[in-house]
Amino acid sequence: MRTLSIRGLDWSGVCLTALMLLSTAAMAADDKAGKALQRAQQKAQSLEQEKNRLTAEKTQMQDDLKKAQDDASRVKSASAAKLGSVQKELASLQDDKQRLSDELAQLKAQAAEQQLAAAAQARQQQNNLQVSQDNLLAKSKQLVQCENNNQSLYQINTDLLSRYEQAYKSAYLLRGGVFTQLGTVKLENETAQEREKLQGLRVK
C-alpha cells in the first residue's frame, strides 16, 4: 500500500476540483432556487387567478343578490298591491254576503208572514165555505118545506075551490034555480080561472 503525502499533492488541481465542485453545487442550488421561484410564481399566479375568480364570483353573487333583492322588492310591492286588492274585494264580498243574508232573513220573515196569512185566509175560506154550505143546506130545507107547504096550500085551495063549486051549485039548486048552459059555462070558466091562478102560484 502506498501512502499519499500531502506534500506531493497538486494544490492547483485540488483547488480547481474544489471550484468545480462548488460551481456545480452553486449551479444545483441556483437550479433548485429557480425551480422554487418558478413554483412560487406559479403558485402566486394560481392564487391570483383564484383570487380573480373568487372576486368575479363575489361580484356576480353581489349582482345576483341585488337582482334578487330588487325582484323581491318588486314581488313584495306587487304582493302588497295584490293583497290590498284582495282585501278590498274580500271586504266587498263580505258586505255582499251580509246584505244577502239580511235580504234572505227578510224574505224568510215575509214568507213566514205570507204563509200565516195564507193559512188564516184558507181557514177563513173554509169557514166561509162551511157557512155557505150550511146556509145552502138550510135554504134547501126551507125550499123543500116551502114546496111542501105550497103543495099543501095548493091542495087545500083546490079542495076549497071544488067545495065552493059544489056548494054554489047546491045553494043555487036549493033556491029553486035551474042551471042553464050559459050559467054552467060561466061557473066552469070562473073555476078554471081560479085553478089557473092556483097552478101559477104552485112551485114546480
N, C-alpha and C. Protein backbone atom coordinates (compact mmCIF):
# COMPACT_ATOMS: atom_id res chain seq x y z
N MET A 1 0.86 -1.18 0.00
CA MET A 1 0.00 0.00 0.00
C MET A 1 0.88 1.22 0.00
N ARG A 2 0.38 2.20 -0.86
CA ARG A 2 1.15 3.42 -0.91
C ARG A 2 0.50 4.45 -0.04
N THR A 3 1.34 5.29 0.58
CA THR A 3 0.85 6.37 1.42
C THR A 3 1.03 7.66 0.69
N LEU A 4 -0.24 8.40 0.60
CA LEU A 4 -0.22 9.68 -0.11
C LEU A 4 0.40 10.73 0.78
N SER A 5 1.25 11.50 0.26
CA SER A 5 1.92 12.54 1.01
C SER A 5 1.31 13.85 0.62
N ILE A 6 0.99 14.63 1.69
CA ILE A 6 0.38 15.95 1.46
C ILE A 6 1.32 16.81 0.63
N ARG A 7 2.52 16.64 0.85
CA ARG A 7 3.46 17.49 0.14
C ARG A 7 3.45 17.21 -1.35
N GLY A 8 3.07 16.00 -1.65
CA GLY A 8 3.12 15.67 -3.07
C GLY A 8 1.86 16.04 -3.83
N LEU A 9 0.84 16.55 -3.16
CA LEU A 9 -0.43 16.90 -3.84
C LEU A 9 -0.24 18.08 -4.75
N ASP A 10 -1.14 18.11 -5.78
CA ASP A 10 -1.16 19.23 -6.72
C ASP A 10 -2.29 20.14 -6.29
N TRP A 11 -1.86 21.14 -5.54
CA TRP A 11 -2.90 22.03 -4.94
C TRP A 11 -3.67 22.78 -5.99
N SER A 12 -3.13 23.08 -7.06
CA SER A 12 -3.88 23.77 -8.12
C SER A 12 -5.00 22.89 -8.66
N GLY A 13 -4.71 21.63 -8.75
CA GLY A 13 -5.75 20.70 -9.23
C GLY A 13 -6.84 20.54 -8.20
N VAL A 14 -6.33 20.49 -6.94
CA VAL A 14 -7.33 20.35 -5.87
C VAL A 14 -8.24 21.55 -5.86
N CYS A 15 -7.64 22.70 -5.95
CA CYS A 15 -8.46 23.93 -5.94
C CYS A 15 -9.42 23.97 -7.11
N LEU A 16 -8.90 23.55 -8.27
CA LEU A 16 -9.76 23.56 -9.45
C LEU A 16 -10.93 22.61 -9.29
N THR A 17 -10.54 21.47 -8.72
CA THR A 17 -11.62 20.48 -8.48
C THR A 17 -12.63 21.04 -7.50
N ALA A 18 -12.10 21.69 -6.47
CA ALA A 18 -12.99 22.26 -5.45
C ALA A 18 -13.87 23.33 -6.06
N LEU A 19 -13.27 24.13 -6.91
CA LEU A 19 -14.06 25.19 -7.55
C LEU A 19 -15.13 24.59 -8.45
N MET A 20 -14.74 23.53 -9.11
CA MET A 20 -15.71 22.89 -9.99
C MET A 20 -16.88 22.32 -9.17
N LEU A 21 -16.42 21.72 -8.02
CA LEU A 21 -17.47 21.15 -7.16
C LEU A 21 -18.37 22.25 -6.62
N LEU A 22 -17.75 23.34 -6.18
CA LEU A 22 -18.53 24.46 -5.64
C LEU A 22 -19.42 25.06 -6.72
N SER A 23 -18.89 25.15 -7.94
CA SER A 23 -19.67 25.71 -9.04
C SER A 23 -20.84 24.81 -9.35
N THR A 24 -20.55 23.50 -9.31
CA THR A 24 -21.65 22.55 -9.56
C THR A 24 -22.70 22.64 -8.48
N ALA A 25 -22.23 22.76 -7.21
CA ALA A 25 -23.18 22.88 -6.10
C ALA A 25 -23.96 24.17 -6.20
N ALA A 26 -23.24 25.23 -6.59
CA ALA A 26 -23.91 26.52 -6.72
C ALA A 26 -24.93 26.47 -7.84
N MET A 27 -24.55 25.84 -8.95
CA MET A 27 -25.49 25.72 -10.05
C MET A 27 -26.71 24.88 -9.65
N ALA A 28 -26.41 23.81 -8.88
CA ALA A 28 -27.52 22.98 -8.41
C ALA A 28 -28.42 23.77 -7.48
N ALA A 29 -27.77 24.58 -6.61
CA ALA A 29 -28.55 25.41 -5.68
C ALA A 29 -29.34 26.44 -6.45
N ASP A 30 -28.68 27.03 -7.46
CA ASP A 30 -29.40 28.01 -8.28
C ASP A 30 -30.58 27.36 -9.00
N ASP A 31 -30.31 26.12 -9.48
CA ASP A 31 -31.38 25.41 -10.19
C ASP A 31 -32.56 25.15 -9.25
N LYS A 32 -32.24 24.73 -8.01
CA LYS A 32 -33.31 24.48 -7.04
C LYS A 32 -34.04 25.77 -6.70
N ALA A 33 -33.23 26.82 -6.51
CA ALA A 33 -33.84 28.12 -6.19
C ALA A 33 -34.71 28.59 -7.33
N GLY A 34 -34.26 28.37 -8.59
CA GLY A 34 -35.06 28.78 -9.76
C GLY A 34 -36.35 28.01 -9.84
N LYS A 35 -36.16 26.69 -9.58
CA LYS A 35 -37.40 25.88 -9.61
C LYS A 35 -38.35 26.29 -8.50
N ALA A 36 -37.77 26.57 -7.32
CA ALA A 36 -38.62 27.01 -6.20
C ALA A 36 -39.28 28.33 -6.52
N LEU A 37 -38.50 29.23 -7.14
CA LEU A 37 -39.06 30.51 -7.53
C LEU A 37 -40.15 30.34 -8.57
N GLN A 38 -39.89 29.42 -9.51
CA GLN A 38 -40.88 29.16 -10.55
C GLN A 38 -42.16 28.60 -9.94
N ARG A 39 -41.93 27.67 -8.98
CA ARG A 39 -43.11 27.10 -8.32
C ARG A 39 -43.85 28.18 -7.53
N ALA A 40 -43.05 29.05 -6.89
CA ALA A 40 -43.68 30.13 -6.13
C ALA A 40 -44.43 31.07 -7.05
N GLN A 41 -43.85 31.37 -8.19
CA GLN A 41 -44.51 32.24 -9.15
C GLN A 41 -45.79 31.59 -9.69
N GLN A 42 -45.67 30.28 -9.99
CA GLN A 42 -46.86 29.56 -10.46
C GLN A 42 -47.96 29.54 -9.39
N LYS A 43 -47.47 29.34 -8.14
CA LYS A 43 -48.42 29.34 -7.03
C LYS A 43 -49.07 30.71 -6.89
N ALA A 44 -48.23 31.74 -6.98
CA ALA A 44 -48.76 33.10 -6.88
C ALA A 44 -49.73 33.40 -8.02
N GLN A 45 -49.37 32.92 -9.22
CA GLN A 45 -50.24 33.13 -10.37
C GLN A 45 -51.57 32.39 -10.19
N SER A 46 -51.42 31.15 -9.67
CA SER A 46 -52.63 30.37 -9.41
C SER A 46 -53.51 31.04 -8.36
N LEU A 47 -52.82 31.56 -7.29
CA LEU A 47 -53.58 32.26 -6.24
C LEU A 47 -54.23 33.52 -6.79
N GLU A 48 -53.49 34.21 -7.68
CA GLU A 48 -54.05 35.42 -8.28
C GLU A 48 -55.27 35.08 -9.13
N GLN A 49 -55.14 33.97 -9.89
CA GLN A 49 -56.27 33.53 -10.71
C GLN A 49 -57.45 33.14 -9.82
N GLU A 50 -57.14 32.43 -8.74
CA GLU A 50 -58.20 32.02 -7.80
C GLU A 50 -58.85 33.25 -7.16
N LYS A 51 -57.97 34.25 -6.84
CA LYS A 51 -58.48 35.49 -6.26
C LYS A 51 -59.39 36.20 -7.25
N ASN A 52 -58.93 36.25 -8.52
CA ASN A 52 -59.73 36.90 -9.54
C ASN A 52 -61.07 36.16 -9.74
N ARG A 53 -60.99 34.81 -9.71
CA ARG A 53 -62.20 34.00 -9.87
C ARG A 53 -63.17 34.26 -8.72
N LEU A 54 -62.59 34.24 -7.50
CA LEU A 54 -63.43 34.48 -6.33
C LEU A 54 -64.01 35.90 -6.35
N THR A 55 -63.16 36.85 -6.81
CA THR A 55 -63.65 38.24 -6.90
C THR A 55 -64.78 38.34 -7.91
N ALA A 56 -64.60 37.64 -9.04
CA ALA A 56 -65.65 37.65 -10.07
C ALA A 56 -66.92 36.98 -9.55
N GLU A 57 -66.72 35.83 -8.83
CA GLU A 57 -67.87 35.15 -8.26
C GLU A 57 -68.57 36.03 -7.23
N LYS A 58 -67.74 36.73 -6.41
CA LYS A 58 -68.30 37.62 -5.40
C LYS A 58 -69.10 38.74 -6.06
N THR A 59 -68.51 39.31 -7.13
CA THR A 59 -69.21 40.37 -7.86
C THR A 59 -70.51 39.85 -8.46
N GLN A 60 -70.43 38.62 -9.04
CA GLN A 60 -71.62 38.01 -9.63
C GLN A 60 -72.67 37.73 -8.57
N MET A 61 -72.19 37.23 -7.42
CA MET A 61 -73.11 36.94 -6.33
C MET A 61 -73.75 38.23 -5.80
N GLN A 62 -72.94 39.29 -5.73
CA GLN A 62 -73.49 40.57 -5.29
C GLN A 62 -74.53 41.08 -6.28
N ASP A 63 -74.18 40.93 -7.58
CA ASP A 63 -75.15 41.33 -8.60
C ASP A 63 -76.43 40.49 -8.52
N ASP A 64 -76.21 39.17 -8.36
CA ASP A 64 -77.39 38.28 -8.24
C ASP A 64 -78.20 38.62 -7.00
N LEU A 65 -77.48 38.92 -5.89
CA LEU A 65 -78.17 39.28 -4.65
C LEU A 65 -78.97 40.56 -4.84
N LYS A 66 -78.34 41.54 -5.49
CA LYS A 66 -79.04 42.81 -5.72
C LYS A 66 -80.25 42.58 -6.62
N LYS A 67 -80.06 41.76 -7.66
CA LYS A 67 -81.18 41.47 -8.55
C LYS A 67 -82.28 40.75 -7.80
N ALA A 68 -81.85 39.77 -6.95
CA ALA A 68 -82.84 39.05 -6.16
C ALA A 68 -83.56 39.98 -5.20
N GLN A 69 -82.83 40.90 -4.59
CA GLN A 69 -83.44 41.87 -3.68
C GLN A 69 -84.40 42.77 -4.44
N ASP A 70 -83.97 43.21 -5.64
CA ASP A 70 -84.87 44.03 -6.45
C ASP A 70 -86.12 43.26 -6.84
N ASP A 71 -85.89 41.99 -7.26
CA ASP A 71 -87.05 41.16 -7.61
C ASP A 71 -87.96 40.96 -6.40
N ALA A 72 -87.31 40.71 -5.25
CA ALA A 72 -88.10 40.52 -4.03
C ALA A 72 -88.87 41.77 -3.67
N SER A 73 -88.20 42.92 -3.87
CA SER A 73 -88.88 44.19 -3.59
C SER A 73 -90.06 44.39 -4.52
N ARG A 74 -89.86 44.08 -5.83
CA ARG A 74 -90.97 44.21 -6.77
C ARG A 74 -92.09 43.23 -6.44
N VAL A 75 -91.67 41.99 -6.12
CA VAL A 75 -92.68 40.98 -5.75
C VAL A 75 -93.43 41.41 -4.49
N LYS A 76 -92.66 41.97 -3.54
CA LYS A 76 -93.29 42.43 -2.30
C LYS A 76 -94.28 43.55 -2.58
N SER A 77 -93.86 44.48 -3.43
CA SER A 77 -94.75 45.59 -3.78
C SER A 77 -95.99 45.08 -4.51
N ALA A 78 -95.73 44.18 -5.47
CA ALA A 78 -96.86 43.61 -6.22
C ALA A 78 -97.77 42.81 -5.29
N SER A 79 -97.11 42.05 -4.37
CA SER A 79 -97.90 41.26 -3.43
C SER A 79 -98.71 42.15 -2.51
N ALA A 80 -98.08 43.25 -2.06
CA ALA A 80 -98.80 44.19 -1.20
C ALA A 80 -99.99 44.79 -1.94
N ALA A 81 -99.75 45.16 -3.22
CA ALA A 81 -100.85 45.72 -4.01
C ALA A 81 -101.94 44.67 -4.24
N LYS A 82 -101.51 43.44 -4.55
CA LYS A 82 -102.47 42.35 -4.76
C LYS A 82 -103.21 42.04 -3.48
N LEU A 83 -102.47 42.05 -2.35
CA LEU A 83 -103.10 41.79 -1.06
C LEU A 83 -104.13 42.87 -0.75
N GLY A 84 -103.76 44.13 -1.04
CA GLY A 84 -104.71 45.22 -0.82
C GLY A 84 -105.96 45.05 -1.68
N SER A 85 -105.75 44.65 -2.95
CA SER A 85 -106.89 44.43 -3.84
C SER A 85 -107.75 43.28 -3.36
N VAL A 86 -107.06 42.19 -2.94
CA VAL A 86 -107.80 41.02 -2.45
C VAL A 86 -108.56 41.36 -1.18
N GLN A 87 -107.91 42.11 -0.28
CA GLN A 87 -108.59 42.50 0.96
C GLN A 87 -109.80 43.38 0.66
N LYS A 88 -109.64 44.30 -0.30
CA LYS A 88 -110.75 45.16 -0.69
C LYS A 88 -111.88 44.33 -1.28
N GLU A 89 -111.51 43.38 -2.16
CA GLU A 89 -112.52 42.51 -2.76
C GLU A 89 -113.19 41.64 -1.71
N LEU A 90 -112.37 41.15 -0.75
CA LEU A 90 -112.91 40.34 0.33
C LEU A 90 -113.90 41.15 1.17
N ALA A 91 -113.53 42.39 1.46
CA ALA A 91 -114.43 43.25 2.24
C ALA A 91 -115.73 43.47 1.46
N SER A 92 -115.62 43.68 0.14
CA SER A 92 -116.81 43.85 -0.68
C SER A 92 -117.67 42.59 -0.68
N LEU A 93 -117.00 41.42 -0.78
CA LEU A 93 -117.74 40.16 -0.74
C LEU A 93 -118.42 39.95 0.61
N GLN A 94 -117.73 40.32 1.67
CA GLN A 94 -118.33 40.20 3.00
C GLN A 94 -119.54 41.11 3.13
N ASP A 95 -119.43 42.33 2.56
CA ASP A 95 -120.57 43.24 2.58
C ASP A 95 -121.74 42.65 1.79
N ASP A 96 -121.41 42.09 0.61
CA ASP A 96 -122.46 41.47 -0.20
C ASP A 96 -123.08 40.28 0.53
N LYS A 97 -122.23 39.51 1.21
CA LYS A 97 -122.74 38.36 1.96
C LYS A 97 -123.68 38.82 3.06
N GLN A 98 -123.28 39.87 3.78
CA GLN A 98 -124.12 40.40 4.85
C GLN A 98 -125.44 40.93 4.29
N ARG A 99 -125.34 41.64 3.15
CA ARG A 99 -126.55 42.18 2.53
C ARG A 99 -127.47 41.05 2.09
N LEU A 100 -126.90 40.02 1.46
CA LEU A 100 -127.70 38.88 1.02
C LEU A 100 -128.30 38.13 2.20
N SER A 101 -127.52 38.02 3.29
CA SER A 101 -128.04 37.36 4.49
C SER A 101 -129.22 38.13 5.06
N ASP A 102 -129.09 39.47 5.07
CA ASP A 102 -130.19 40.30 5.56
C ASP A 102 -131.41 40.15 4.66
N GLU A 103 -131.17 40.18 3.35
CA GLU A 103 -132.30 40.03 2.41
C GLU A 103 -132.95 38.66 2.57
N LEU A 104 -132.11 37.61 2.75
CA LEU A 104 -132.65 36.26 2.92
C LEU A 104 -133.48 36.18 4.19
N ALA A 105 -132.98 36.77 5.28
CA ALA A 105 -133.73 36.77 6.53
C ALA A 105 -135.06 37.51 6.36
N GLN A 106 -135.01 38.64 5.63
CA GLN A 106 -136.23 39.40 5.38
C GLN A 106 -137.22 38.60 4.54
N LEU A 107 -136.70 37.93 3.49
CA LEU A 107 -137.56 37.10 2.65
C LEU A 107 -138.17 35.95 3.43
N LYS A 108 -137.37 35.34 4.32
CA LYS A 108 -137.90 34.26 5.15
C LYS A 108 -139.00 34.77 6.06
N ALA A 109 -138.77 35.96 6.64
CA ALA A 109 -139.79 36.53 7.52
C ALA A 109 -141.06 36.84 6.72
N GLN A 110 -140.88 37.42 5.52
CA GLN A 110 -142.04 37.71 4.68
C GLN A 110 -142.76 36.43 4.26
N ALA A 111 -141.98 35.40 3.94
CA ALA A 111 -142.57 34.12 3.54
C ALA A 111 -143.37 33.53 4.71
N ALA A 112 -142.79 33.63 5.92
CA ALA A 112 -143.50 33.11 7.09
C ALA A 112 -144.80 33.88 7.32
N GLU A 113 -144.73 35.21 7.18
CA GLU A 113 -145.94 36.02 7.34
C GLU A 113 -146.97 35.66 6.26
N GLN A 114 -146.49 35.50 5.04
CA GLN A 114 -147.41 35.16 3.95
C GLN A 114 -148.03 33.78 4.18
N GLN A 115 -147.23 32.84 4.69
CA GLN A 115 -147.75 31.51 4.98
C GLN A 115 -148.83 31.58 6.06
N LEU A 116 -148.54 32.39 7.10
CA LEU A 116 -149.53 32.55 8.16
C LEU A 116 -150.80 33.20 7.62
N ALA A 117 -150.60 34.25 6.79
CA ALA A 117 -151.76 34.93 6.21
C ALA A 117 -152.54 33.99 5.30
N ALA A 118 -151.80 33.20 4.49
CA ALA A 118 -152.46 32.26 3.59
C ALA A 118 -153.21 31.19 4.38
N ALA A 119 -152.59 30.71 5.47
CA ALA A 119 -153.26 29.71 6.30
C ALA A 119 -154.52 30.30 6.93
N ALA A 120 -154.40 31.55 7.42
CA ALA A 120 -155.56 32.21 8.01
C ALA A 120 -156.66 32.41 6.96
N GLN A 121 -156.24 32.84 5.75
CA GLN A 121 -157.20 33.04 4.67
C GLN A 121 -157.86 31.73 4.28
N ALA A 122 -157.04 30.66 4.22
CA ALA A 122 -157.59 29.35 3.88
C ALA A 122 -158.60 28.90 4.93
N ARG A 123 -158.26 29.14 6.21
CA ARG A 123 -159.21 28.77 7.27
C ARG A 123 -160.48 29.58 7.16
N GLN A 124 -160.30 30.91 6.85
CA GLN A 124 -161.48 31.77 6.70
C GLN A 124 -162.34 31.31 5.53
N GLN A 125 -161.67 30.98 4.41
CA GLN A 125 -162.40 30.49 3.25
C GLN A 125 -163.10 29.17 3.55
N GLN A 126 -162.41 28.31 4.33
CA GLN A 126 -163.02 27.05 4.71
C GLN A 126 -164.24 27.29 5.59
N ASN A 127 -164.08 28.27 6.52
CA ASN A 127 -165.22 28.60 7.38
C ASN A 127 -166.36 29.19 6.55
N ASN A 128 -165.97 30.11 5.61
CA ASN A 128 -166.99 30.70 4.75
C ASN A 128 -167.69 29.63 3.91
N LEU A 129 -166.88 28.69 3.40
CA LEU A 129 -167.46 27.61 2.61
C LEU A 129 -168.42 26.76 3.44
N GLN A 130 -167.98 26.49 4.68
CA GLN A 130 -168.84 25.70 5.56
C GLN A 130 -170.13 26.45 5.87
N VAL A 131 -169.97 27.77 6.11
CA VAL A 131 -171.17 28.59 6.37
C VAL A 131 -172.08 28.60 5.15
N SER A 132 -171.44 28.76 3.96
CA SER A 132 -172.23 28.76 2.73
C SER A 132 -172.94 27.43 2.54
N GLN A 133 -172.21 26.35 2.81
CA GLN A 133 -172.83 25.03 2.68
C GLN A 133 -173.97 24.87 3.68
N ASP A 134 -173.72 25.34 4.90
CA ASP A 134 -174.78 25.26 5.91
C ASP A 134 -175.98 26.10 5.49
N ASN A 135 -175.69 27.33 4.98
CA ASN A 135 -176.79 28.19 4.53
C ASN A 135 -177.53 27.55 3.36
N LEU A 136 -176.75 26.97 2.43
CA LEU A 136 -177.37 26.32 1.29
C LEU A 136 -178.24 25.15 1.73
N LEU A 137 -177.70 24.38 2.69
CA LEU A 137 -178.48 23.25 3.19
C LEU A 137 -179.75 23.74 3.88
N ALA A 138 -179.59 24.83 4.67
CA ALA A 138 -180.77 25.38 5.36
C ALA A 138 -181.78 25.89 4.34
N LYS A 139 -181.29 26.61 3.31
CA LYS A 139 -182.19 27.13 2.29
C LYS A 139 -182.83 25.99 1.51
N SER A 140 -182.05 24.92 1.27
CA SER A 140 -182.61 23.77 0.57
C SER A 140 -183.73 23.15 1.39
N LYS A 141 -183.48 23.06 2.70
CA LYS A 141 -184.53 22.53 3.58
C LYS A 141 -185.73 23.45 3.58
N GLN A 142 -185.45 24.79 3.63
CA GLN A 142 -186.55 25.75 3.60
C GLN A 142 -187.33 25.66 2.30
N LEU A 143 -186.57 25.47 1.18
CA LEU A 143 -187.21 25.35 -0.12
C LEU A 143 -188.10 24.11 -0.17
N VAL A 144 -187.54 23.01 0.36
CA VAL A 144 -188.34 21.78 0.40
C VAL A 144 -189.59 21.99 1.24
N GLN A 145 -189.39 22.66 2.38
CA GLN A 145 -190.53 22.94 3.25
C GLN A 145 -191.53 23.85 2.55
N CYS A 146 -190.99 24.88 1.85
CA CYS A 146 -191.88 25.76 1.11
C CYS A 146 -192.65 25.01 0.03
N GLU A 147 -191.91 24.12 -0.68
CA GLU A 147 -192.58 23.31 -1.69
C GLU A 147 -193.68 22.45 -1.08
N ASN A 148 -193.33 21.86 0.06
CA ASN A 148 -194.34 21.01 0.74
C ASN A 148 -195.53 21.87 1.17
N ASN A 149 -195.18 23.06 1.75
CA ASN A 149 -196.28 23.94 2.19
C ASN A 149 -197.10 24.41 0.99
N ASN A 150 -196.40 24.76 -0.11
CA ASN A 150 -197.10 25.21 -1.31
C ASN A 150 -197.99 24.12 -1.86
N GLN A 151 -197.47 22.91 -1.85
CA GLN A 151 -198.27 21.78 -2.35
C GLN A 151 -199.50 21.57 -1.47
N SER A 152 -199.24 21.73 -0.16
CA SER A 152 -200.38 21.56 0.76
C SER A 152 -201.40 22.66 0.54
N LEU A 153 -200.92 23.91 0.39
CA LEU A 153 -201.84 25.02 0.14
C LEU A 153 -202.57 24.84 -1.19
N TYR A 154 -201.83 24.38 -2.20
CA TYR A 154 -202.46 24.13 -3.49
C TYR A 154 -203.57 23.10 -3.38
N GLN A 155 -203.27 22.06 -2.64
CA GLN A 155 -204.26 21.01 -2.47
C GLN A 155 -205.47 21.53 -1.68
N ILE A 156 -205.14 22.32 -0.61
CA ILE A 156 -206.23 22.88 0.19
C ILE A 156 -207.09 23.83 -0.65
N ASN A 157 -206.46 24.71 -1.43
CA ASN A 157 -207.20 25.64 -2.27
C ASN A 157 -208.00 24.91 -3.34
N THR A 158 -207.36 23.86 -3.89
CA THR A 158 -208.09 23.07 -4.89
C THR A 158 -209.33 22.44 -4.27
N ASP A 159 -209.13 21.91 -3.09
CA ASP A 159 -210.28 21.30 -2.39
C ASP A 159 -211.33 22.36 -2.07
N LEU A 160 -210.88 23.53 -1.62
CA LEU A 160 -211.81 24.61 -1.30
C LEU A 160 -212.58 25.06 -2.55
N LEU A 161 -211.84 25.15 -3.66
CA LEU A 161 -212.48 25.55 -4.90
C LEU A 161 -213.52 24.53 -5.33
N SER A 162 -213.18 23.26 -5.21
CA SER A 162 -214.15 22.21 -5.56
C SER A 162 -215.36 22.29 -4.64
N ARG A 163 -215.06 22.49 -3.35
CA ARG A 163 -216.18 22.60 -2.41
C ARG A 163 -217.02 23.84 -2.70
N TYR A 164 -216.34 24.93 -3.06
CA TYR A 164 -217.09 26.15 -3.40
C TYR A 164 -217.97 25.91 -4.60
N GLU A 165 -217.40 25.23 -5.59
CA GLU A 165 -218.18 24.95 -6.79
C GLU A 165 -219.39 24.08 -6.47
N GLN A 166 -219.13 23.08 -5.67
CA GLN A 166 -220.22 22.18 -5.31
C GLN A 166 -221.25 22.89 -4.43
N ALA A 167 -220.72 23.71 -3.49
CA ALA A 167 -221.63 24.43 -2.59
C ALA A 167 -222.46 25.45 -3.37
N TYR A 168 -221.83 26.09 -4.34
CA TYR A 168 -222.53 27.07 -5.16
C TYR A 168 -223.65 26.40 -5.93
N LYS A 169 -223.38 25.24 -6.51
CA LYS A 169 -224.39 24.51 -7.26
C LYS A 169 -225.52 24.07 -6.34
N SER A 170 -225.09 23.57 -5.17
CA SER A 170 -226.12 23.09 -4.24
C SER A 170 -227.00 24.24 -3.76
N ALA A 171 -226.38 25.37 -3.44
CA ALA A 171 -227.15 26.52 -2.97
C ALA A 171 -228.08 27.04 -4.05
N TYR A 172 -227.60 27.04 -5.27
CA TYR A 172 -228.42 27.53 -6.37
C TYR A 172 -229.62 26.62 -6.58
N LEU A 173 -229.39 25.32 -6.46
CA LEU A 173 -230.47 24.37 -6.64
C LEU A 173 -231.47 24.46 -5.49
N LEU A 174 -230.90 24.70 -4.28
CA LEU A 174 -231.80 24.81 -3.12
C LEU A 174 -232.71 26.03 -3.25
N ARG A 175 -232.22 27.07 -3.90
CA ARG A 175 -233.05 28.25 -4.11
C ARG A 175 -234.04 28.05 -5.26
N GLY A 176 -234.06 26.87 -5.82
CA GLY A 176 -235.03 26.56 -6.86
C GLY A 176 -234.57 26.94 -8.22
N GLY A 177 -233.37 27.28 -8.34
CA GLY A 177 -232.86 27.68 -9.64
C GLY A 177 -232.51 26.48 -10.49
N VAL A 178 -232.48 26.69 -11.74
CA VAL A 178 -232.10 25.64 -12.69
C VAL A 178 -230.91 26.16 -13.49
N PHE A 179 -229.85 25.31 -13.55
CA PHE A 179 -228.65 25.70 -14.29
C PHE A 179 -228.94 25.72 -15.79
N THR A 180 -228.68 26.83 -16.32
CA THR A 180 -228.74 26.89 -17.78
C THR A 180 -227.34 26.56 -18.30
N GLN A 181 -227.28 26.36 -19.61
CA GLN A 181 -225.98 26.05 -20.21
C GLN A 181 -225.03 27.23 -20.05
N LEU A 182 -225.59 28.46 -20.15
CA LEU A 182 -224.77 29.64 -20.01
C LEU A 182 -224.25 29.78 -18.58
N GLY A 183 -225.08 29.54 -17.63
CA GLY A 183 -224.65 29.61 -16.23
C GLY A 183 -223.61 28.56 -15.91
N THR A 184 -223.78 27.38 -16.47
CA THR A 184 -222.80 26.31 -16.24
C THR A 184 -221.44 26.68 -16.82
N VAL A 185 -221.45 27.23 -18.02
CA VAL A 185 -220.18 27.62 -18.67
C VAL A 185 -219.49 28.73 -17.89
N LYS A 186 -220.30 29.70 -17.40
CA LYS A 186 -219.73 30.79 -16.62
C LYS A 186 -219.08 30.28 -15.35
N LEU A 187 -219.77 29.37 -14.66
CA LEU A 187 -219.21 28.80 -13.43
C LEU A 187 -217.95 28.00 -13.71
N GLU A 188 -217.99 27.25 -14.80
CA GLU A 188 -216.80 26.46 -15.15
C GLU A 188 -215.61 27.37 -15.52
N ASN A 189 -215.92 28.48 -16.21
CA ASN A 189 -214.85 29.42 -16.58
C ASN A 189 -214.23 30.05 -15.33
N GLU A 190 -215.08 30.49 -14.43
CA GLU A 190 -214.57 31.08 -13.20
C GLU A 190 -213.73 30.06 -12.41
N THR A 191 -214.21 28.84 -12.36
CA THR A 191 -213.48 27.78 -11.66
C THR A 191 -212.14 27.50 -12.34
N ALA A 192 -212.17 27.48 -13.68
CA ALA A 192 -210.92 27.23 -14.42
C ALA A 192 -209.91 28.34 -14.20
N GLN A 193 -210.44 29.62 -14.17
CA GLN A 193 -209.54 30.76 -13.92
C GLN A 193 -208.89 30.65 -12.53
N GLU A 194 -209.69 30.29 -11.56
CA GLU A 194 -209.14 30.14 -10.22
C GLU A 194 -208.12 29.01 -10.16
N ARG A 195 -208.40 27.94 -10.88
CA ARG A 195 -207.44 26.83 -10.90
C ARG A 195 -206.13 27.24 -11.58
N GLU A 196 -206.25 28.04 -12.66
CA GLU A 196 -205.03 28.52 -13.33
C GLU A 196 -204.23 29.41 -12.40
N LYS A 197 -204.89 30.26 -11.62
CA LYS A 197 -204.18 31.08 -10.65
C LYS A 197 -203.46 30.23 -9.63
N LEU A 198 -204.16 29.21 -9.14
CA LEU A 198 -203.52 28.32 -8.18
C LEU A 198 -202.34 27.58 -8.83
N GLN A 199 -202.52 27.16 -10.08
CA GLN A 199 -201.45 26.44 -10.77
C GLN A 199 -200.24 27.35 -10.98
N GLY A 200 -200.51 28.66 -11.24
CA GLY A 200 -199.42 29.61 -11.41
C GLY A 200 -198.66 29.86 -10.12
N LEU A 201 -199.38 29.81 -9.02
CA LEU A 201 -198.72 30.00 -7.70
C LEU A 201 -198.07 28.74 -7.18
N ARG A 202 -198.31 27.64 -7.82
CA ARG A 202 -197.75 26.36 -7.36
C ARG A 202 -196.26 26.28 -7.71
N VAL A 203 -195.44 25.87 -6.79
CA VAL A 203 -194.00 25.71 -7.01
C VAL A 203 -193.76 24.47 -7.81
N LYS A 204 -193.07 24.63 -8.94
CA LYS A 204 -192.79 23.47 -9.81
C LYS A 204 -191.57 22.73 -9.33
